Every structure is written in structure tokens, then in C-alpha cells.
Amino acid sequence: GGASMAGGVGTIVGAVIGAFIMGVM
């Protein structure tokens, strides 16, 4: 969903979209 391994970057909506990408797959 777009979060960075280094921290400081990412959004709630992005994480939710990432979860649904995994779910759709």
C-alpha cells in the first residue's frame, strides 16, 4: 500500500488498498 521500510511514509487508505490487493489476488 505504499509504506516505506524506513518509516515516515504511508497512508491509512494506501494500507487498506494494499489489503484489498492481497484479498483480490
mmCIF file of all heavy atoms, coordinates in Angstrom:
data_MODEL
# 
_entry.id   MODEL 
# 
loop_
_atom_site.group_PDB 
_atom_site.id 
_atom_site.type_symbol 
_atom_site.label_atom_id 
_atom_site.label_alt_id 
_atom_site.label_comp_id 
_atom_site.label_asym_id 
_atom_site.label_entity_id 
_atom_site.label_seq_id 
_atom_site.pdbx_PDB_ins_code 
_atom_site.Cartn_x 
_atom_site.Cartn_y 
_atom_site.Cartn_z 
_atom_site.occupancy 
_atom_site.B_iso_or_equiv 
_atom_site.pdbx_formal_charge 
_atom_site.auth_seq_id 
_atom_site.auth_comp_id 
_atom_site.auth_asym_id 
_atom_site.auth_atom_id 
_atom_site.pdbx_PDB_model_num 
ATOM 1   N N   . GLY A 1 1  ? 0.780   -1.230  0.000  1.00 0.00 ? 1  GLY A N   1 
ATOM 2   C CA  . GLY A 1 1  ? 0.000   0.000   0.000  1.00 0.00 ? 1  GLY A CA  1 
ATOM 3   C C   . GLY A 1 1  ? 0.811   1.278   0.000  1.00 0.00 ? 1  GLY A C   1 
ATOM 4   O O   . GLY A 1 1  ? 0.235   2.369   0.084  1.00 0.00 ? 1  GLY A O   1 
ATOM 5   N N   . GLY A 1 2  ? 2.140   1.170   -0.089 1.00 0.00 ? 2  GLY A N   1 
ATOM 6   C CA  . GLY A 1 2  ? 2.956   2.364   -0.257 1.00 0.00 ? 2  GLY A CA  1 
ATOM 7   C C   . GLY A 1 2  ? 3.754   2.802   0.946  1.00 0.00 ? 2  GLY A C   1 
ATOM 8   O O   . GLY A 1 2  ? 4.438   3.837   0.891  1.00 0.00 ? 2  GLY A O   1 
ATOM 9   N N   . ALA A 1 3  ? 3.721   2.072   2.057  1.00 0.00 ? 3  ALA A N   1 
ATOM 10  C CA  . ALA A 1 3  ? 4.529   2.440   3.220  1.00 0.00 ? 3  ALA A CA  1 
ATOM 11  C C   . ALA A 1 3  ? 6.001   2.177   2.934  1.00 0.00 ? 3  ALA A C   1 
ATOM 12  O O   . ALA A 1 3  ? 6.344   1.304   2.136  1.00 0.00 ? 3  ALA A O   1 
ATOM 13  C CB  . ALA A 1 3  ? 4.080   1.659   4.452  1.00 0.00 ? 3  ALA A CB  1 
ATOM 14  N N   . SER A 1 4  ? 6.851   2.948   3.590  1.00 0.00 ? 4  SER A N   1 
ATOM 15  C CA  . SER A 1 4  ? 8.294   2.810   3.396  1.00 0.00 ? 4  SER A CA  1 
ATOM 16  C C   . SER A 1 4  ? 8.908   2.010   4.532  1.00 0.00 ? 4  SER A C   1 
ATOM 17  O O   . SER A 1 4  ? 8.505   2.141   5.693  1.00 0.00 ? 4  SER A O   1 
ATOM 18  C CB  . SER A 1 4  ? 8.953   4.184   3.328  1.00 0.00 ? 4  SER A CB  1 
ATOM 19  O OG  . SER A 1 4  ? 10.365  4.075   3.313  1.00 0.00 ? 4  SER A OG  1 
ATOM 20  N N   . MET A 1 5  ? 9.909   1.195   4.208  1.00 0.00 ? 5  MET A N   1 
ATOM 21  C CA  . MET A 1 5  ? 10.606  0.423   5.235  1.00 0.00 ? 5  MET A CA  1 
ATOM 22  C C   . MET A 1 5  ? 11.326  1.332   6.217  1.00 0.00 ? 5  MET A C   1 
ATOM 23  O O   . MET A 1 5  ? 11.535  0.963   7.378  1.00 0.00 ? 5  MET A O   1 
ATOM 24  C CB  . MET A 1 5  ? 11.617  -0.508  4.576  1.00 0.00 ? 5  MET A CB  1 
ATOM 25  C CG  . MET A 1 5  ? 11.023  -1.559  3.677  1.00 0.00 ? 5  MET A CG  1 
ATOM 26  S SD  . MET A 1 5  ? 12.319  -2.571  2.916  1.00 0.00 ? 5  MET A SD  1 
ATOM 27  C CE  . MET A 1 5  ? 13.154  -1.328  1.918  1.00 0.00 ? 5  MET A CE  1 
ATOM 28  N N   . ALA A 1 6  ? 11.720  2.514   5.768  1.00 0.00 ? 6  ALA A N   1 
ATOM 29  C CA  . ALA A 1 6  ? 12.470  3.435   6.619  1.00 0.00 ? 6  ALA A CA  1 
ATOM 30  C C   . ALA A 1 6  ? 11.575  4.217   7.571  1.00 0.00 ? 6  ALA A C   1 
ATOM 31  O O   . ALA A 1 6  ? 12.058  4.902   8.472  1.00 0.00 ? 6  ALA A O   1 
ATOM 32  C CB  . ALA A 1 6  ? 13.267  4.399   5.750  1.00 0.00 ? 6  ALA A CB  1 
ATOM 33  N N   . GLY A 1 7  ? 10.251  4.139   7.400  1.00 0.00 ? 7  GLY A N   1 
ATOM 34  C CA  . GLY A 1 7  ? 9.327   4.873   8.245  1.00 0.00 ? 7  GLY A CA  1 
ATOM 35  C C   . GLY A 1 7  ? 9.033   6.261   7.693  1.00 0.00 ? 7  GLY A C   1 
ATOM 36  O O   . GLY A 1 7  ? 9.694   6.749   6.785  1.00 0.00 ? 7  GLY A O   1 
ATOM 37  N N   . GLY A 1 8  ? 8.017   6.900   8.265  1.00 0.00 ? 8  GLY A N   1 
ATOM 38  C CA  . GLY A 1 8  ? 7.674   8.262   7.905  1.00 0.00 ? 8  GLY A CA  1 
ATOM 39  C C   . GLY A 1 8  ? 6.815   8.417   6.674  1.00 0.00 ? 8  GLY A C   1 
ATOM 40  O O   . GLY A 1 8  ? 6.396   9.540   6.354  1.00 0.00 ? 8  GLY A O   1 
ATOM 41  N N   . VAL A 1 9  ? 6.530   7.331   5.963  1.00 0.00 ? 9  VAL A N   1 
ATOM 42  C CA  . VAL A 1 9  ? 5.772   7.395   4.711  1.00 0.00 ? 9  VAL A CA  1 
ATOM 43  C C   . VAL A 1 9  ? 4.688   6.333   4.726  1.00 0.00 ? 9  VAL A C   1 
ATOM 44  O O   . VAL A 1 9  ? 4.936   5.189   5.124  1.00 0.00 ? 9  VAL A O   1 
ATOM 45  C CB  . VAL A 1 9  ? 6.693   7.175   3.488  1.00 0.00 ? 9  VAL A CB  1 
ATOM 46  C CG1 . VAL A 1 9  ? 5.873   7.135   2.201  1.00 0.00 ? 9  VAL A CG1 1 
ATOM 47  C CG2 . VAL A 1 9  ? 7.748   8.264   3.408  1.00 0.00 ? 9  VAL A CG2 1 
ATOM 48  N N   . GLY A 1 10 ? 3.495   6.709   4.241  1.00 0.00 ? 10 GLY A N   1 
ATOM 49  C CA  . GLY A 1 10 ? 2.389   5.765   4.144  1.00 0.00 ? 10 GLY A CA  1 
ATOM 50  C C   . GLY A 1 10 ? 1.081   6.420   4.536  1.00 0.00 ? 10 GLY A C   1 
ATOM 51  O O   . GLY A 1 10 ? 1.071   7.423   5.254  1.00 0.00 ? 10 GLY A O   1 
ATOM 52  N N   . THR A 1 11 ? -0.017  5.853   4.066  1.00 0.00 ? 11 THR A N   1 
ATOM 53  C CA  . THR A 1 11 ? -1.343  6.377   4.399  1.00 0.00 ? 11 THR A CA  1 
ATOM 54  C C   . THR A 1 11 ? -2.261  5.233   4.813  1.00 0.00 ? 11 THR A C   1 
ATOM 55  O O   . THR A 1 11 ? -2.042  4.077   4.433  1.00 0.00 ? 11 THR A O   1 
ATOM 56  C CB  . THR A 1 11 ? -1.982  7.100   3.198  1.00 0.00 ? 11 THR A CB  1 
ATOM 57  O OG1 . THR A 1 11 ? -2.192  6.163   2.132  1.00 0.00 ? 11 THR A OG1 1 
ATOM 58  C CG2 . THR A 1 11 ? -1.098  8.245   2.705  1.00 0.00 ? 11 THR A CG2 1 
ATOM 59  N N   . ILE A 1 12 ? -3.281  5.569   5.582  1.00 0.00 ? 12 ILE A N   1 
ATOM 60  C CA  . ILE A 1 12 ? -4.265  4.577   6.002  1.00 0.00 ? 12 ILE A CA  1 
ATOM 61  C C   . ILE A 1 12 ? -4.975  3.999   4.785  1.00 0.00 ? 12 ILE A C   1 
ATOM 62  O O   . ILE A 1 12 ? -5.134  2.776   4.653  1.00 0.00 ? 12 ILE A O   1 
ATOM 63  C CB  . ILE A 1 12 ? -5.292  5.205   6.965  1.00 0.00 ? 12 ILE A CB  1 
ATOM 64  C CG1 . ILE A 1 12 ? -4.608  5.719   8.241  1.00 0.00 ? 12 ILE A CG1 1 
ATOM 65  C CG2 . ILE A 1 12 ? -6.386  4.195   7.303  1.00 0.00 ? 12 ILE A CG2 1 
ATOM 66  C CD1 . ILE A 1 12 ? -3.984  4.662   9.101  1.00 0.00 ? 12 ILE A CD1 1 
ATOM 67  N N   . VAL A 1 13 ? -5.402  4.876   3.878  1.00 0.00 ? 13 VAL A N   1 
ATOM 68  C CA  . VAL A 1 13 ? -6.116  4.419   2.680  1.00 0.00 ? 13 VAL A CA  1 
ATOM 69  C C   . VAL A 1 13 ? -5.216  3.522   1.839  1.00 0.00 ? 13 VAL A C   1 
ATOM 70  O O   . VAL A 1 13 ? -5.659  2.505   1.291  1.00 0.00 ? 13 VAL A O   1 
ATOM 71  C CB  . VAL A 1 13 ? -6.616  5.619   1.853  1.00 0.00 ? 13 VAL A CB  1 
ATOM 72  C CG1 . VAL A 1 13 ? -7.203  5.156   0.525  1.00 0.00 ? 13 VAL A CG1 1 
ATOM 73  C CG2 . VAL A 1 13 ? -7.660  6.405   2.646  1.00 0.00 ? 13 VAL A CG2 1 
ATOM 74  N N   . GLY A 1 14 ? -3.935  3.869   1.736  1.00 0.00 ? 14 GLY A N   1 
ATOM 75  C CA  . GLY A 1 14 ? -2.996  3.033   0.996  1.00 0.00 ? 14 GLY A CA  1 
ATOM 76  C C   . GLY A 1 14 ? -2.879  1.642   1.585  1.00 0.00 ? 14 GLY A C   1 
ATOM 77  O O   . GLY A 1 14 ? -2.847  0.641   0.859  1.00 0.00 ? 14 GLY A O   1 
ATOM 78  N N   . ALA A 1 15 ? -2.815  1.551   2.916  1.00 0.00 ? 15 ALA A N   1 
ATOM 79  C CA  . ALA A 1 15 ? -2.735  0.250   3.579  1.00 0.00 ? 15 ALA A CA  1 
ATOM 80  C C   . ALA A 1 15 ? -3.988  -0.577  3.318  1.00 0.00 ? 15 ALA A C   1 
ATOM 81  O O   . ALA A 1 15 ? -3.913  -1.792  3.105  1.00 0.00 ? 15 ALA A O   1 
ATOM 82  C CB  . ALA A 1 15 ? -2.529  0.439   5.084  1.00 0.00 ? 15 ALA A CB  1 
ATOM 83  N N   . VAL A 1 16 ? -5.148  0.089   3.322  1.00 0.00 ? 16 VAL A N   1 
ATOM 84  C CA  . VAL A 1 16 ? -6.409  -0.612  3.056  1.00 0.00 ? 16 VAL A CA  1 
ATOM 85  C C   . VAL A 1 16 ? -6.435  -1.113  1.609  1.00 0.00 ? 16 VAL A C   1 
ATOM 86  O O   . VAL A 1 16 ? -6.847  -2.247  1.339  1.00 0.00 ? 16 VAL A O   1 
ATOM 87  C CB  . VAL A 1 16 ? -7.606  0.311   3.337  1.00 0.00 ? 16 VAL A CB  1 
ATOM 88  C CG1 . VAL A 1 16 ? -8.908  -0.330  2.885  1.00 0.00 ? 16 VAL A CG1 1 
ATOM 89  C CG2 . VAL A 1 16 ? -7.671  0.651   4.828  1.00 0.00 ? 16 VAL A CG2 1 
ATOM 90  N N   . ILE A 1 17 ? -5.978  -0.265  0.673  1.00 0.00 ? 17 ILE A N   1 
ATOM 91  C CA  . ILE A 1 17 ? -5.909  -0.692  -0.726 1.00 0.00 ? 17 ILE A CA  1 
ATOM 92  C C   . ILE A 1 17 ? -4.964  -1.876  -0.862 1.00 0.00 ? 17 ILE A C   1 
ATOM 93  O O   . ILE A 1 17 ? -5.246  -2.843  -1.582 1.00 0.00 ? 17 ILE A O   1 
ATOM 94  C CB  . ILE A 1 17 ? -5.462  0.477   -1.631 1.00 0.00 ? 17 ILE A CB  1 
ATOM 95  C CG1 . ILE A 1 17 ? -6.548  1.548   -1.690 1.00 0.00 ? 17 ILE A CG1 1 
ATOM 96  C CG2 . ILE A 1 17 ? -5.148  -0.022  -3.046 1.00 0.00 ? 17 ILE A CG2 1 
ATOM 97  C CD1 . ILE A 1 17 ? -6.149  2.783   -2.471 1.00 0.00 ? 17 ILE A CD1 1 
ATOM 98  N N   . GLY A 1 18 ? -3.830  -1.828  -0.166 1.00 0.00 ? 18 GLY A N   1 
ATOM 99  C CA  . GLY A 1 18 ? -2.894  -2.953  -0.181 1.00 0.00 ? 18 GLY A CA  1 
ATOM 100 C C   . GLY A 1 18 ? -3.530  -4.226  0.339  1.00 0.00 ? 18 GLY A C   1 
ATOM 101 O O   . GLY A 1 18 ? -3.312  -5.313  -0.209 1.00 0.00 ? 18 GLY A O   1 
ATOM 102 N N   . ALA A 1 19 ? -4.346  -4.097  1.396  1.00 0.00 ? 19 ALA A N   1 
ATOM 103 C CA  . ALA A 1 19 ? -5.030  -5.271  1.946  1.00 0.00 ? 19 ALA A CA  1 
ATOM 104 C C   . ALA A 1 19 ? -6.005  -5.855  0.935  1.00 0.00 ? 19 ALA A C   1 
ATOM 105 O O   . ALA A 1 19 ? -6.108  -7.091  0.787  1.00 0.00 ? 19 ALA A O   1 
ATOM 106 C CB  . ALA A 1 19 ? -5.765  -4.890  3.233  1.00 0.00 ? 19 ALA A CB  1 
ATOM 107 N N   . PHE A 1 20 ? -6.711  -4.984  0.225  1.00 0.00 ? 20 PHE A N   1 
ATOM 108 C CA  . PHE A 1 20 ? -7.662  -5.489  -0.770 1.00 0.00 ? 20 PHE A CA  1 
ATOM 109 C C   . PHE A 1 20 ? -6.957  -6.030  -2.013 1.00 0.00 ? 20 PHE A C   1 
ATOM 110 O O   . PHE A 1 20 ? -7.489  -6.925  -2.680 1.00 0.00 ? 20 PHE A O   1 
ATOM 111 C CB  . PHE A 1 20 ? -8.683  -4.408  -1.131 1.00 0.00 ? 20 PHE A CB  1 
ATOM 112 C CG  . PHE A 1 20 ? -9.835  -4.355  -0.177 1.00 0.00 ? 20 PHE A CG  1 
ATOM 113 C CD1 . PHE A 1 20 ? -9.957  -3.309  0.726  1.00 0.00 ? 20 PHE A CD1 1 
ATOM 114 C CD2 . PHE A 1 20 ? -10.781 -5.365  -0.157 1.00 0.00 ? 20 PHE A CD2 1 
ATOM 115 C CE1 . PHE A 1 20 ? -11.010 -3.274  1.630  1.00 0.00 ? 20 PHE A CE1 1 
ATOM 116 C CE2 . PHE A 1 20 ? -11.843 -5.339  0.739  1.00 0.00 ? 20 PHE A CE2 1 
ATOM 117 C CZ  . PHE A 1 20 ? -11.963 -4.289  1.635  1.00 0.00 ? 20 PHE A CZ  1 
ATOM 118 N N   . ILE A 1 21 ? -5.775  -5.512  -2.328 1.00 0.00 ? 21 ILE A N   1 
ATOM 119 C CA  . ILE A 1 21 ? -4.996  -6.119  -3.412 1.00 0.00 ? 21 ILE A CA  1 
ATOM 120 C C   . ILE A 1 21 ? -4.655  -7.560  -3.055 1.00 0.00 ? 21 ILE A C   1 
ATOM 121 O O   . ILE A 1 21 ? -4.814  -8.479  -3.866 1.00 0.00 ? 21 ILE A O   1 
ATOM 122 C CB  . ILE A 1 21 ? -3.717  -5.302  -3.690 1.00 0.00 ? 21 ILE A CB  1 
ATOM 123 C CG1 . ILE A 1 21 ? -4.061  -4.025  -4.450 1.00 0.00 ? 21 ILE A CG1 1 
ATOM 124 C CG2 . ILE A 1 21 ? -2.705  -6.118  -4.496 1.00 0.00 ? 21 ILE A CG2 1 
ATOM 125 C CD1 . ILE A 1 21 ? -2.876  -3.128  -4.726 1.00 0.00 ? 21 ILE A CD1 1 
ATOM 126 N N   . MET A 1 22 ? -4.197  -7.764  -1.816 1.00 0.00 ? 22 MET A N   1 
ATOM 127 C CA  . MET A 1 22 ? -3.904  -9.131  -1.361 1.00 0.00 ? 22 MET A CA  1 
ATOM 128 C C   . MET A 1 22 ? -5.170  -9.981  -1.380 1.00 0.00 ? 22 MET A C   1 
ATOM 129 O O   . MET A 1 22 ? -5.152  -11.151 -1.806 1.00 0.00 ? 22 MET A O   1 
ATOM 130 C CB  . MET A 1 22 ? -3.329  -9.089  0.053  1.00 0.00 ? 22 MET A CB  1 
ATOM 131 C CG  . MET A 1 22 ? -1.992  -8.380  0.172  1.00 0.00 ? 22 MET A CG  1 
ATOM 132 S SD  . MET A 1 22 ? -0.636  -9.304  -0.562 1.00 0.00 ? 22 MET A SD  1 
ATOM 133 C CE  . MET A 1 22 ? -0.501  -10.652 0.596  1.00 0.00 ? 22 MET A CE  1 
ATOM 134 N N   . GLY A 1 23 ? -6.287  -9.408  -0.930 1.00 0.00 ? 23 GLY A N   1 
ATOM 135 C CA  . GLY A 1 23 ? -7.539  -10.157 -0.890 1.00 0.00 ? 23 GLY A CA  1 
ATOM 136 C C   . GLY A 1 23 ? -8.050  -10.526 -2.267 1.00 0.00 ? 23 GLY A C   1 
ATOM 137 O O   . GLY A 1 23 ? -8.498  -11.663 -2.488 1.00 0.00 ? 23 GLY A O   1 
ATOM 138 N N   . VAL A 1 24 ? -7.982  -9.562  -3.208 1.00 0.00 ? 24 VAL A N   1 
ATOM 139 C CA  . VAL A 1 24 ? -8.429  -9.845  -4.577 1.00 0.00 ? 24 VAL A CA  1 
ATOM 140 C C   . VAL A 1 24 ? -7.553  -10.908 -5.211 1.00 0.00 ? 24 VAL A C   1 
ATOM 141 O O   . VAL A 1 24 ? -8.047  -11.804 -5.915 1.00 0.00 ? 24 VAL A O   1 
ATOM 142 C CB  . VAL A 1 24 ? -8.422  -8.550  -5.421 1.00 0.00 ? 24 VAL A CB  1 
ATOM 143 C CG1 . VAL A 1 24 ? -8.623  -8.865  -6.900 1.00 0.00 ? 24 VAL A CG1 1 
ATOM 144 C CG2 . VAL A 1 24 ? -9.516  -7.599  -4.935 1.00 0.00 ? 24 VAL A CG2 1 
ATOM 145 N N   . MET A 1 25 ? -6.249  -10.840 -4.960 1.00 0.00 ? 25 MET A N   1 
ATOM 146 C CA  . MET A 1 25 ? -5.348  -11.853 -5.506 1.00 0.00 ? 25 MET A CA  1 
ATOM 147 C C   . MET A 1 25 ? -5.665  -13.237 -4.940 1.00 0.00 ? 25 MET A C   1 
ATOM 148 O O   . MET A 1 25 ? -5.742  -14.224 -5.684 1.00 0.00 ? 25 MET A O   1 
ATOM 149 C CB  . MET A 1 25 ? -3.890  -11.480 -5.207 1.00 0.00 ? 25 MET A CB  1 
ATOM 150 C CG  . MET A 1 25 ? -3.374  -10.296 -6.012 1.00 0.00 ? 25 MET A CG  1 
ATOM 151 S SD  . MET A 1 25 ? -1.727  -9.785  -5.502 1.00 0.00 ? 25 MET A SD  1 
ATOM 152 C CE  . MET A 1 25 ? -0.808  -11.292 -5.771 1.00 0.00 ? 25 MET A CE  1 
# 
